[in-house]
Amino acid sequence: MRFAAFLIALMLPLAASAAPPQPLDALFTQLHDAASPEEAKPVEGQILAFFLQSGSPSIDLLMARAAVALAASDKDTARKLYDSVTGIAPNYAEGWHRRGLMQSDAGDDGAAMVSLQKAIQLNPRHFEAMEQLGEMLEDYGDKPGALKMYRRALALDPQYEGLQRHIDGVSRDVEGQGI
C-alpha cells in the first residue's frame, strides 16, 4: 500500500510540470483557497514539482534515474541513488523525503522516520512528508506526535485528502471527545 502511494507521489510532480511555473508562495495561497480536493490536486502537484527542483543538474539526474529505477521495479538501485543524493546534497529536502519513502517500503521504519523528519526540518512546508510521518507515528502509537504532524500538514494544505479523517480519529484518542 505504501509503495503504491510512493509511486503516485513520484508521478504527481511529472504531471504538474506542464503548467507554467509560479512562485511557491503563490501556489500555497492557491492551495489554501482551493474549494475542494479536486481543485487542490493540480496545485499540490505543482508544489511537489517545485520541491523536486534541487538547483543542481547532477542531483536532478540522480533523482531522475532513481525514478526510472523505481518505474522498472529496481528498488535496490533507486535506494542507492537516493542514498547518494542525501550524501551529496544533505540540504536537499526532497532527497530525504524520497529516501524515507524507500526506507519505509523496505520495512526500515526507524530510518524512514529519521529521513522524513530531516525532510521536514529542511522544508517546513512539506505537507506530504508530514502526513507520511504522521501515519508512521500513529502506527507506532505516538498519537500526540501524529496529531501534530497531521495538523501541520492540514494547515498547509486544507484540502489534503483523508487528512481530516486521520485528525478526527487521533484527536479523540489524544484529547478525548467533547460533550
N, C-alpha and C. Protein backbone atom coordinates (compact mmCIF):
# COMPACT_ATOMS: atom_id res chain seq x y z
N MET A 1 0.83 -1.20 0.00
CA MET A 1 0.00 0.00 0.00
C MET A 1 0.87 1.25 0.00
N ARG A 2 1.86 1.28 0.88
CA ARG A 2 2.73 2.46 0.94
C ARG A 2 3.52 2.60 -0.34
N PHE A 3 3.93 1.48 -0.96
CA PHE A 3 4.70 1.58 -2.19
C PHE A 3 3.84 2.15 -3.30
N ALA A 4 2.57 1.78 -3.35
CA ALA A 4 1.68 2.34 -4.36
C ALA A 4 1.54 3.85 -4.17
N ALA A 5 1.40 4.28 -2.91
CA ALA A 5 1.32 5.72 -2.63
C ALA A 5 2.62 6.41 -3.02
N PHE A 6 3.74 5.71 -2.82
CA PHE A 6 5.04 6.25 -3.18
C PHE A 6 5.13 6.47 -4.69
N LEU A 7 4.68 5.49 -5.48
CA LEU A 7 4.72 5.63 -6.93
C LEU A 7 3.83 6.77 -7.40
N ILE A 8 2.67 6.91 -6.78
CA ILE A 8 1.77 8.00 -7.13
C ILE A 8 2.44 9.33 -6.80
N ALA A 9 3.10 9.40 -5.65
CA ALA A 9 3.79 10.63 -5.26
C ALA A 9 4.88 10.99 -6.26
N LEU A 10 5.50 9.99 -6.84
CA LEU A 10 6.53 10.25 -7.84
C LEU A 10 5.94 10.82 -9.12
N MET A 11 4.75 10.38 -9.48
CA MET A 11 4.16 10.79 -10.74
C MET A 11 3.47 12.15 -10.68
N LEU A 12 2.99 12.59 -9.51
CA LEU A 12 2.30 13.87 -9.41
C LEU A 12 3.14 15.04 -9.90
N PRO A 13 4.40 15.16 -9.48
CA PRO A 13 5.19 16.28 -9.99
C PRO A 13 5.40 16.22 -11.49
N LEU A 14 5.47 15.03 -12.06
CA LEU A 14 5.65 14.91 -13.50
C LEU A 14 4.43 15.42 -14.24
N ALA A 15 3.24 15.13 -13.72
CA ALA A 15 2.02 15.59 -14.36
C ALA A 15 1.88 17.10 -14.24
N ALA A 16 2.36 17.66 -13.14
CA ALA A 16 2.21 19.09 -12.92
C ALA A 16 3.27 19.91 -13.64
N SER A 17 4.31 19.27 -14.14
CA SER A 17 5.42 20.02 -14.72
C SER A 17 5.04 20.74 -16.02
N ALA A 18 3.91 20.41 -16.63
CA ALA A 18 3.49 21.07 -17.86
C ALA A 18 2.91 22.46 -17.58
N ALA A 19 2.50 22.73 -16.35
CA ALA A 19 1.93 24.03 -16.02
C ALA A 19 3.05 25.07 -15.92
N PRO A 20 2.72 26.33 -16.25
CA PRO A 20 3.75 27.36 -16.14
C PRO A 20 4.19 27.53 -14.69
N PRO A 21 5.48 27.74 -14.45
CA PRO A 21 5.96 27.85 -13.08
C PRO A 21 5.42 29.10 -12.39
N GLN A 22 5.12 28.95 -11.12
CA GLN A 22 4.64 30.07 -10.32
C GLN A 22 5.48 30.11 -9.04
N PRO A 23 5.57 31.27 -8.42
CA PRO A 23 6.29 31.34 -7.15
C PRO A 23 5.62 30.45 -6.11
N LEU A 24 6.42 29.87 -5.25
CA LEU A 24 5.92 28.92 -4.27
C LEU A 24 4.87 29.54 -3.35
N ASP A 25 5.09 30.77 -2.91
CA ASP A 25 4.11 31.41 -2.03
C ASP A 25 2.75 31.56 -2.72
N ALA A 26 2.77 31.88 -4.01
CA ALA A 26 1.52 32.00 -4.76
C ALA A 26 0.82 30.65 -4.85
N LEU A 27 1.59 29.59 -5.02
CA LEU A 27 0.99 28.25 -5.07
C LEU A 27 0.36 27.88 -3.74
N PHE A 28 1.02 28.20 -2.64
CA PHE A 28 0.43 27.90 -1.33
C PHE A 28 -0.82 28.73 -1.09
N THR A 29 -0.87 29.94 -1.60
CA THR A 29 -2.08 30.75 -1.50
C THR A 29 -3.21 30.09 -2.28
N GLN A 30 -2.91 29.63 -3.49
CA GLN A 30 -3.92 28.92 -4.29
C GLN A 30 -4.38 27.65 -3.58
N LEU A 31 -3.45 26.96 -2.96
CA LEU A 31 -3.79 25.72 -2.25
C LEU A 31 -4.73 26.03 -1.09
N HIS A 32 -4.45 27.09 -0.38
CA HIS A 32 -5.31 27.49 0.73
C HIS A 32 -6.70 27.89 0.26
N ASP A 33 -6.76 28.48 -0.93
CA ASP A 33 -8.04 28.98 -1.46
C ASP A 33 -8.84 27.91 -2.20
N ALA A 34 -8.25 26.75 -2.42
CA ALA A 34 -8.94 25.67 -3.15
C ALA A 34 -10.21 25.27 -2.39
N ALA A 35 -11.28 25.11 -3.14
CA ALA A 35 -12.58 24.81 -2.55
C ALA A 35 -12.85 23.32 -2.38
N SER A 36 -12.03 22.49 -3.02
CA SER A 36 -12.27 21.05 -2.96
C SER A 36 -10.95 20.31 -3.17
N PRO A 37 -10.91 19.03 -2.80
CA PRO A 37 -9.70 18.24 -3.08
C PRO A 37 -9.38 18.18 -4.57
N GLU A 38 -10.41 18.14 -5.40
CA GLU A 38 -10.19 18.08 -6.85
C GLU A 38 -9.52 19.36 -7.35
N GLU A 39 -9.94 20.49 -6.79
CA GLU A 39 -9.34 21.77 -7.17
C GLU A 39 -7.91 21.89 -6.62
N ALA A 40 -7.66 21.28 -5.49
CA ALA A 40 -6.34 21.36 -4.86
C ALA A 40 -5.31 20.46 -5.53
N LYS A 41 -5.73 19.34 -6.11
CA LYS A 41 -4.80 18.35 -6.66
C LYS A 41 -3.76 18.94 -7.62
N PRO A 42 -4.17 19.71 -8.64
CA PRO A 42 -3.15 20.23 -9.56
C PRO A 42 -2.17 21.19 -8.86
N VAL A 43 -2.66 21.93 -7.89
CA VAL A 43 -1.79 22.86 -7.16
C VAL A 43 -0.81 22.06 -6.29
N GLU A 44 -1.33 21.02 -5.64
CA GLU A 44 -0.45 20.13 -4.87
C GLU A 44 0.66 19.59 -5.76
N GLY A 45 0.29 19.16 -6.96
CA GLY A 45 1.27 18.63 -7.90
C GLY A 45 2.32 19.65 -8.28
N GLN A 46 1.90 20.89 -8.48
CA GLN A 46 2.86 21.95 -8.81
C GLN A 46 3.81 22.22 -7.64
N ILE A 47 3.27 22.20 -6.43
CA ILE A 47 4.12 22.41 -5.25
C ILE A 47 5.11 21.27 -5.11
N LEU A 48 4.65 20.03 -5.29
CA LEU A 48 5.55 18.89 -5.19
C LEU A 48 6.61 18.94 -6.29
N ALA A 49 6.25 19.43 -7.46
CA ALA A 49 7.23 19.60 -8.54
C ALA A 49 8.25 20.67 -8.16
N PHE A 50 7.79 21.71 -7.49
CA PHE A 50 8.69 22.76 -7.02
C PHE A 50 9.67 22.18 -6.00
N PHE A 51 9.17 21.33 -5.10
CA PHE A 51 10.02 20.69 -4.09
C PHE A 51 11.08 19.81 -4.75
N LEU A 52 10.76 19.26 -5.89
CA LEU A 52 11.67 18.35 -6.59
C LEU A 52 12.87 19.09 -7.19
N GLN A 53 12.74 20.37 -7.42
CA GLN A 53 13.83 21.15 -8.02
C GLN A 53 14.97 21.29 -7.02
N SER A 54 16.12 20.76 -7.40
CA SER A 54 17.27 20.78 -6.50
C SER A 54 18.19 21.96 -6.75
N GLY A 55 18.17 22.49 -7.96
CA GLY A 55 19.11 23.54 -8.32
C GLY A 55 20.45 22.99 -8.78
N SER A 56 20.56 21.67 -8.84
CA SER A 56 21.81 21.04 -9.27
C SER A 56 21.52 20.04 -10.38
N PRO A 57 22.12 20.21 -11.55
CA PRO A 57 21.89 19.25 -12.62
C PRO A 57 22.30 17.81 -12.23
N SER A 58 23.34 17.68 -11.44
CA SER A 58 23.79 16.34 -11.02
C SER A 58 22.75 15.67 -10.13
N ILE A 59 22.23 16.43 -9.17
CA ILE A 59 21.21 15.87 -8.27
C ILE A 59 19.94 15.58 -9.04
N ASP A 60 19.56 16.48 -9.95
CA ASP A 60 18.37 16.24 -10.78
C ASP A 60 18.52 14.95 -11.58
N LEU A 61 19.72 14.71 -12.10
CA LEU A 61 19.98 13.49 -12.86
C LEU A 61 19.85 12.26 -11.97
N LEU A 62 20.43 12.31 -10.77
CA LEU A 62 20.32 11.17 -9.85
C LEU A 62 18.86 10.92 -9.47
N MET A 63 18.11 11.99 -9.23
CA MET A 63 16.69 11.84 -8.88
C MET A 63 15.91 11.23 -10.04
N ALA A 64 16.19 11.69 -11.26
CA ALA A 64 15.50 11.16 -12.43
C ALA A 64 15.85 9.68 -12.62
N ARG A 65 17.10 9.33 -12.42
CA ARG A 65 17.50 7.93 -12.57
C ARG A 65 16.86 7.06 -11.49
N ALA A 66 16.73 7.59 -10.29
CA ALA A 66 16.05 6.84 -9.22
C ALA A 66 14.59 6.61 -9.59
N ALA A 67 13.93 7.62 -10.15
CA ALA A 67 12.53 7.47 -10.57
C ALA A 67 12.40 6.42 -11.66
N VAL A 68 13.34 6.41 -12.60
CA VAL A 68 13.34 5.41 -13.67
C VAL A 68 13.56 4.02 -13.07
N ALA A 69 14.48 3.92 -12.14
CA ALA A 69 14.73 2.62 -11.49
C ALA A 69 13.48 2.12 -10.77
N LEU A 70 12.79 3.01 -10.09
CA LEU A 70 11.55 2.62 -9.41
C LEU A 70 10.49 2.17 -10.39
N ALA A 71 10.36 2.91 -11.48
CA ALA A 71 9.37 2.54 -12.50
C ALA A 71 9.67 1.16 -13.09
N ALA A 72 10.95 0.79 -13.10
CA ALA A 72 11.36 -0.52 -13.60
C ALA A 72 11.40 -1.57 -12.48
N SER A 73 10.87 -1.20 -11.30
CA SER A 73 10.84 -2.08 -10.13
C SER A 73 12.23 -2.46 -9.62
N ASP A 74 13.20 -1.63 -9.88
CA ASP A 74 14.57 -1.85 -9.38
C ASP A 74 14.76 -1.01 -8.13
N LYS A 75 14.15 -1.48 -7.03
CA LYS A 75 14.17 -0.73 -5.78
C LYS A 75 15.58 -0.60 -5.20
N ASP A 76 16.41 -1.61 -5.39
CA ASP A 76 17.76 -1.55 -4.85
C ASP A 76 18.55 -0.41 -5.47
N THR A 77 18.47 -0.27 -6.78
CA THR A 77 19.18 0.83 -7.46
C THR A 77 18.60 2.17 -7.03
N ALA A 78 17.28 2.26 -6.95
CA ALA A 78 16.64 3.51 -6.53
C ALA A 78 17.10 3.89 -5.13
N ARG A 79 17.12 2.92 -4.23
CA ARG A 79 17.55 3.20 -2.85
C ARG A 79 18.99 3.72 -2.83
N LYS A 80 19.86 3.09 -3.59
CA LYS A 80 21.26 3.52 -3.64
C LYS A 80 21.38 4.94 -4.20
N LEU A 81 20.58 5.23 -5.20
CA LEU A 81 20.61 6.58 -5.78
C LEU A 81 20.12 7.64 -4.79
N TYR A 82 19.04 7.33 -4.07
CA TYR A 82 18.55 8.27 -3.06
C TYR A 82 19.56 8.43 -1.93
N ASP A 83 20.23 7.34 -1.55
CA ASP A 83 21.30 7.45 -0.55
C ASP A 83 22.41 8.36 -1.06
N SER A 84 22.74 8.24 -2.33
CA SER A 84 23.77 9.11 -2.92
C SER A 84 23.33 10.57 -2.91
N VAL A 85 22.08 10.80 -3.23
CA VAL A 85 21.56 12.17 -3.24
C VAL A 85 21.70 12.81 -1.87
N THR A 86 21.30 12.09 -0.81
CA THR A 86 21.38 12.69 0.53
C THR A 86 22.82 12.85 0.98
N GLY A 87 23.71 12.01 0.48
CA GLY A 87 25.13 12.14 0.81
C GLY A 87 25.76 13.33 0.12
N ILE A 88 25.40 13.54 -1.14
CA ILE A 88 25.98 14.63 -1.94
C ILE A 88 25.32 15.97 -1.61
N ALA A 89 24.01 15.95 -1.41
CA ALA A 89 23.24 17.18 -1.16
C ALA A 89 22.43 17.03 0.13
N PRO A 90 23.10 17.09 1.28
CA PRO A 90 22.40 16.84 2.55
C PRO A 90 21.37 17.91 2.91
N ASN A 91 21.35 19.03 2.22
CA ASN A 91 20.37 20.07 2.49
C ASN A 91 19.20 20.08 1.51
N TYR A 92 19.11 19.05 0.69
CA TYR A 92 18.04 18.92 -0.30
C TYR A 92 16.92 18.06 0.31
N ALA A 93 15.86 18.72 0.72
CA ALA A 93 14.78 18.07 1.45
C ALA A 93 14.13 16.92 0.68
N GLU A 94 13.92 17.09 -0.61
CA GLU A 94 13.22 16.05 -1.37
C GLU A 94 14.03 14.77 -1.45
N GLY A 95 15.36 14.89 -1.44
CA GLY A 95 16.18 13.68 -1.39
C GLY A 95 15.91 12.88 -0.13
N TRP A 96 15.80 13.56 1.01
CA TRP A 96 15.49 12.89 2.27
C TRP A 96 14.07 12.32 2.25
N HIS A 97 13.14 13.05 1.66
CA HIS A 97 11.77 12.58 1.58
C HIS A 97 11.70 11.27 0.79
N ARG A 98 12.29 11.26 -0.39
CA ARG A 98 12.25 10.06 -1.23
C ARG A 98 13.01 8.91 -0.57
N ARG A 99 14.13 9.23 0.07
CA ARG A 99 14.89 8.20 0.78
C ARG A 99 14.02 7.59 1.89
N GLY A 100 13.31 8.45 2.62
CA GLY A 100 12.43 7.97 3.68
C GLY A 100 11.34 7.05 3.16
N LEU A 101 10.78 7.37 2.00
CA LEU A 101 9.76 6.51 1.41
C LEU A 101 10.33 5.16 1.04
N MET A 102 11.54 5.15 0.50
CA MET A 102 12.19 3.88 0.15
C MET A 102 12.48 3.06 1.41
N GLN A 103 12.94 3.73 2.46
CA GLN A 103 13.23 3.03 3.71
C GLN A 103 11.95 2.44 4.30
N SER A 104 10.88 3.19 4.24
CA SER A 104 9.59 2.69 4.74
C SER A 104 9.13 1.48 3.93
N ASP A 105 9.26 1.57 2.63
CA ASP A 105 8.87 0.46 1.76
C ASP A 105 9.69 -0.80 2.05
N ALA A 106 10.95 -0.60 2.46
CA ALA A 106 11.83 -1.73 2.78
C ALA A 106 11.61 -2.25 4.21
N GLY A 107 10.71 -1.61 4.96
CA GLY A 107 10.43 -2.05 6.32
C GLY A 107 11.36 -1.46 7.36
N ASP A 108 12.19 -0.51 6.98
CA ASP A 108 13.11 0.13 7.91
C ASP A 108 12.46 1.42 8.43
N ASP A 109 11.42 1.24 9.25
CA ASP A 109 10.61 2.37 9.68
C ASP A 109 11.38 3.37 10.54
N GLY A 110 12.31 2.90 11.36
CA GLY A 110 13.09 3.81 12.18
C GLY A 110 13.89 4.78 11.32
N ALA A 111 14.59 4.24 10.34
CA ALA A 111 15.36 5.09 9.43
C ALA A 111 14.44 5.98 8.60
N ALA A 112 13.28 5.45 8.21
CA ALA A 112 12.33 6.23 7.42
C ALA A 112 11.84 7.44 8.21
N MET A 113 11.54 7.23 9.49
CA MET A 113 11.07 8.36 10.30
C MET A 113 12.16 9.42 10.45
N VAL A 114 13.40 8.99 10.62
CA VAL A 114 14.51 9.95 10.71
C VAL A 114 14.63 10.73 9.41
N SER A 115 14.55 10.05 8.26
CA SER A 115 14.66 10.72 6.96
C SER A 115 13.51 11.69 6.74
N LEU A 116 12.30 11.28 7.09
CA LEU A 116 11.14 12.17 6.92
C LEU A 116 11.25 13.38 7.84
N GLN A 117 11.73 13.17 9.06
CA GLN A 117 11.94 14.30 9.96
C GLN A 117 12.97 15.27 9.39
N LYS A 118 14.02 14.74 8.79
CA LYS A 118 15.04 15.58 8.18
C LYS A 118 14.44 16.37 7.01
N ALA A 119 13.61 15.73 6.21
CA ALA A 119 12.95 16.42 5.09
C ALA A 119 12.10 17.57 5.60
N ILE A 120 11.38 17.35 6.68
CA ILE A 120 10.51 18.39 7.25
C ILE A 120 11.34 19.50 7.88
N GLN A 121 12.44 19.12 8.51
CA GLN A 121 13.33 20.13 9.09
C GLN A 121 13.88 21.05 7.99
N LEU A 122 14.27 20.46 6.87
CA LEU A 122 14.82 21.24 5.76
C LEU A 122 13.75 22.00 4.99
N ASN A 123 12.54 21.45 4.94
CA ASN A 123 11.44 22.09 4.22
C ASN A 123 10.19 22.06 5.12
N PRO A 124 10.03 23.06 5.97
CA PRO A 124 8.91 23.07 6.92
C PRO A 124 7.52 23.18 6.28
N ARG A 125 7.46 23.25 4.95
CA ARG A 125 6.15 23.28 4.27
C ARG A 125 5.89 22.00 3.49
N HIS A 126 6.63 20.96 3.78
CA HIS A 126 6.47 19.70 3.04
C HIS A 126 5.31 18.91 3.65
N PHE A 127 4.09 19.29 3.26
CA PHE A 127 2.87 18.71 3.80
C PHE A 127 2.79 17.20 3.57
N GLU A 128 3.30 16.74 2.46
CA GLU A 128 3.24 15.31 2.15
C GLU A 128 4.13 14.51 3.11
N ALA A 129 5.33 15.00 3.37
CA ALA A 129 6.23 14.31 4.31
C ALA A 129 5.63 14.33 5.72
N MET A 130 4.95 15.42 6.06
CA MET A 130 4.31 15.50 7.38
C MET A 130 3.22 14.45 7.53
N GLU A 131 2.40 14.32 6.50
CA GLU A 131 1.33 13.31 6.55
C GLU A 131 1.92 11.91 6.64
N GLN A 132 2.95 11.64 5.88
CA GLN A 132 3.57 10.31 5.88
C GLN A 132 4.22 10.01 7.22
N LEU A 133 4.91 10.99 7.79
CA LEU A 133 5.49 10.80 9.12
C LEU A 133 4.39 10.63 10.15
N GLY A 134 3.32 11.39 10.02
CA GLY A 134 2.18 11.24 10.93
C GLY A 134 1.62 9.83 10.92
N GLU A 135 1.48 9.25 9.73
CA GLU A 135 0.98 7.87 9.63
C GLU A 135 1.90 6.90 10.36
N MET A 136 3.20 7.09 10.19
CA MET A 136 4.15 6.19 10.84
C MET A 136 4.11 6.36 12.36
N LEU A 137 4.05 7.60 12.81
CA LEU A 137 3.97 7.84 14.26
C LEU A 137 2.70 7.22 14.83
N GLU A 138 1.61 7.36 14.10
CA GLU A 138 0.35 6.76 14.55
C GLU A 138 0.47 5.25 14.62
N ASP A 139 1.07 4.65 13.60
CA ASP A 139 1.26 3.20 13.59
C ASP A 139 2.08 2.71 14.79
N TYR A 140 3.02 3.54 15.24
CA TYR A 140 3.88 3.17 16.36
C TYR A 140 3.36 3.66 17.70
N GLY A 141 2.13 4.18 17.72
CA GLY A 141 1.50 4.55 18.97
C GLY A 141 1.79 5.95 19.48
N ASP A 142 2.53 6.75 18.73
CA ASP A 142 2.78 8.14 19.13
C ASP A 142 1.67 9.01 18.56
N LYS A 143 0.50 8.88 19.16
CA LYS A 143 -0.66 9.61 18.64
C LYS A 143 -0.54 11.12 18.82
N PRO A 144 0.02 11.62 19.93
CA PRO A 144 0.21 13.08 20.02
C PRO A 144 1.15 13.59 18.92
N GLY A 145 2.22 12.86 18.64
CA GLY A 145 3.15 13.26 17.57
C GLY A 145 2.48 13.20 16.21
N ALA A 146 1.69 12.15 16.00
CA ALA A 146 0.96 12.01 14.73
C ALA A 146 -0.02 13.15 14.55
N LEU A 147 -0.75 13.47 15.60
CA LEU A 147 -1.73 14.56 15.53
C LEU A 147 -1.04 15.89 15.19
N LYS A 148 0.10 16.12 15.78
CA LYS A 148 0.86 17.35 15.49
C LYS A 148 1.24 17.41 14.01
N MET A 149 1.74 16.30 13.47
CA MET A 149 2.13 16.26 12.05
C MET A 149 0.91 16.45 11.15
N TYR A 150 -0.18 15.76 11.47
CA TYR A 150 -1.39 15.89 10.65
C TYR A 150 -1.90 17.33 10.65
N ARG A 151 -1.91 17.96 11.80
CA ARG A 151 -2.41 19.33 11.88
C ARG A 151 -1.50 20.30 11.14
N ARG A 152 -0.20 20.09 11.23
CA ARG A 152 0.72 20.95 10.48
C ARG A 152 0.49 20.79 8.98
N ALA A 153 0.30 19.56 8.53
CA ALA A 153 0.06 19.31 7.11
C ALA A 153 -1.26 19.94 6.67
N LEU A 154 -2.30 19.80 7.49
CA LEU A 154 -3.60 20.36 7.14
C LEU A 154 -3.57 21.89 7.11
N ALA A 155 -2.77 22.50 7.97
CA ALA A 155 -2.64 23.96 7.96
C ALA A 155 -2.03 24.43 6.63
N LEU A 156 -1.16 23.62 6.06
CA LEU A 156 -0.53 23.97 4.79
C LEU A 156 -1.42 23.62 3.60
N ASP A 157 -2.15 22.51 3.72
CA ASP A 157 -2.99 22.02 2.62
C ASP A 157 -4.36 21.62 3.17
N PRO A 158 -5.28 22.58 3.31
CA PRO A 158 -6.59 22.30 3.91
C PRO A 158 -7.43 21.28 3.17
N GLN A 159 -7.10 20.98 1.91
CA GLN A 159 -7.88 20.02 1.13
C GLN A 159 -7.17 18.66 0.99
N TYR A 160 -6.12 18.43 1.74
CA TYR A 160 -5.37 17.18 1.63
C TYR A 160 -6.31 16.01 1.91
N GLU A 161 -6.49 15.16 0.92
CA GLU A 161 -7.49 14.08 1.02
C GLU A 161 -7.18 13.12 2.15
N GLY A 162 -8.20 12.86 2.97
CA GLY A 162 -8.11 11.88 4.04
C GLY A 162 -7.47 12.40 5.32
N LEU A 163 -6.88 13.56 5.27
CA LEU A 163 -6.16 14.06 6.44
C LEU A 163 -7.09 14.42 7.58
N GLN A 164 -8.21 15.04 7.29
CA GLN A 164 -9.16 15.39 8.36
C GLN A 164 -9.68 14.14 9.06
N ARG A 165 -9.86 13.07 8.31
CA ARG A 165 -10.31 11.81 8.91
C ARG A 165 -9.27 11.30 9.91
N HIS A 166 -7.98 11.39 9.54
CA HIS A 166 -6.91 11.00 10.45
C HIS A 166 -6.94 11.87 11.71
N ILE A 167 -7.09 13.17 11.51
CA ILE A 167 -7.09 14.10 12.65
C ILE A 167 -8.26 13.80 13.57
N ASP A 168 -9.44 13.57 13.01
CA ASP A 168 -10.62 13.28 13.83
C ASP A 168 -10.41 12.03 14.67
N GLY A 169 -9.88 10.98 14.05
CA GLY A 169 -9.66 9.73 14.79
C GLY A 169 -8.62 9.85 15.87
N VAL A 170 -7.50 10.47 15.54
CA VAL A 170 -6.40 10.57 16.50
C VAL A 170 -6.73 11.58 17.60
N SER A 171 -7.39 12.67 17.24
CA SER A 171 -7.68 13.70 18.28
C SER A 171 -8.61 13.16 19.36
N ARG A 172 -9.54 12.26 19.01
CA ARG A 172 -10.39 11.64 20.02
C ARG A 172 -9.54 10.85 21.00
N ASP A 173 -8.55 10.14 20.50
CA ASP A 173 -7.69 9.36 21.36
C ASP A 173 -6.78 10.23 22.23
N VAL A 174 -6.31 11.33 21.66
CA VAL A 174 -5.35 12.19 22.36
C VAL A 174 -6.04 13.18 23.29
N GLU A 175 -7.11 13.81 22.80
CA GLU A 175 -7.74 14.88 23.52
C GLU A 175 -9.09 14.51 24.13
N GLY A 176 -9.59 13.33 23.82
CA GLY A 176 -10.90 12.92 24.29
C GLY A 176 -11.98 13.48 23.40
N GLN A 177 -13.21 13.13 23.71
CA GLN A 177 -14.34 13.58 22.91
C GLN A 177 -15.11 14.62 23.71
N GLY A 178 -15.40 15.75 23.07
CA GLY A 178 -16.14 16.83 23.72
C GLY A 178 -17.57 16.43 24.02
N ILE A 179 -18.14 17.16 24.91
CA ILE A 179 -19.53 16.89 25.33
C ILE A 179 -20.49 17.61 24.42
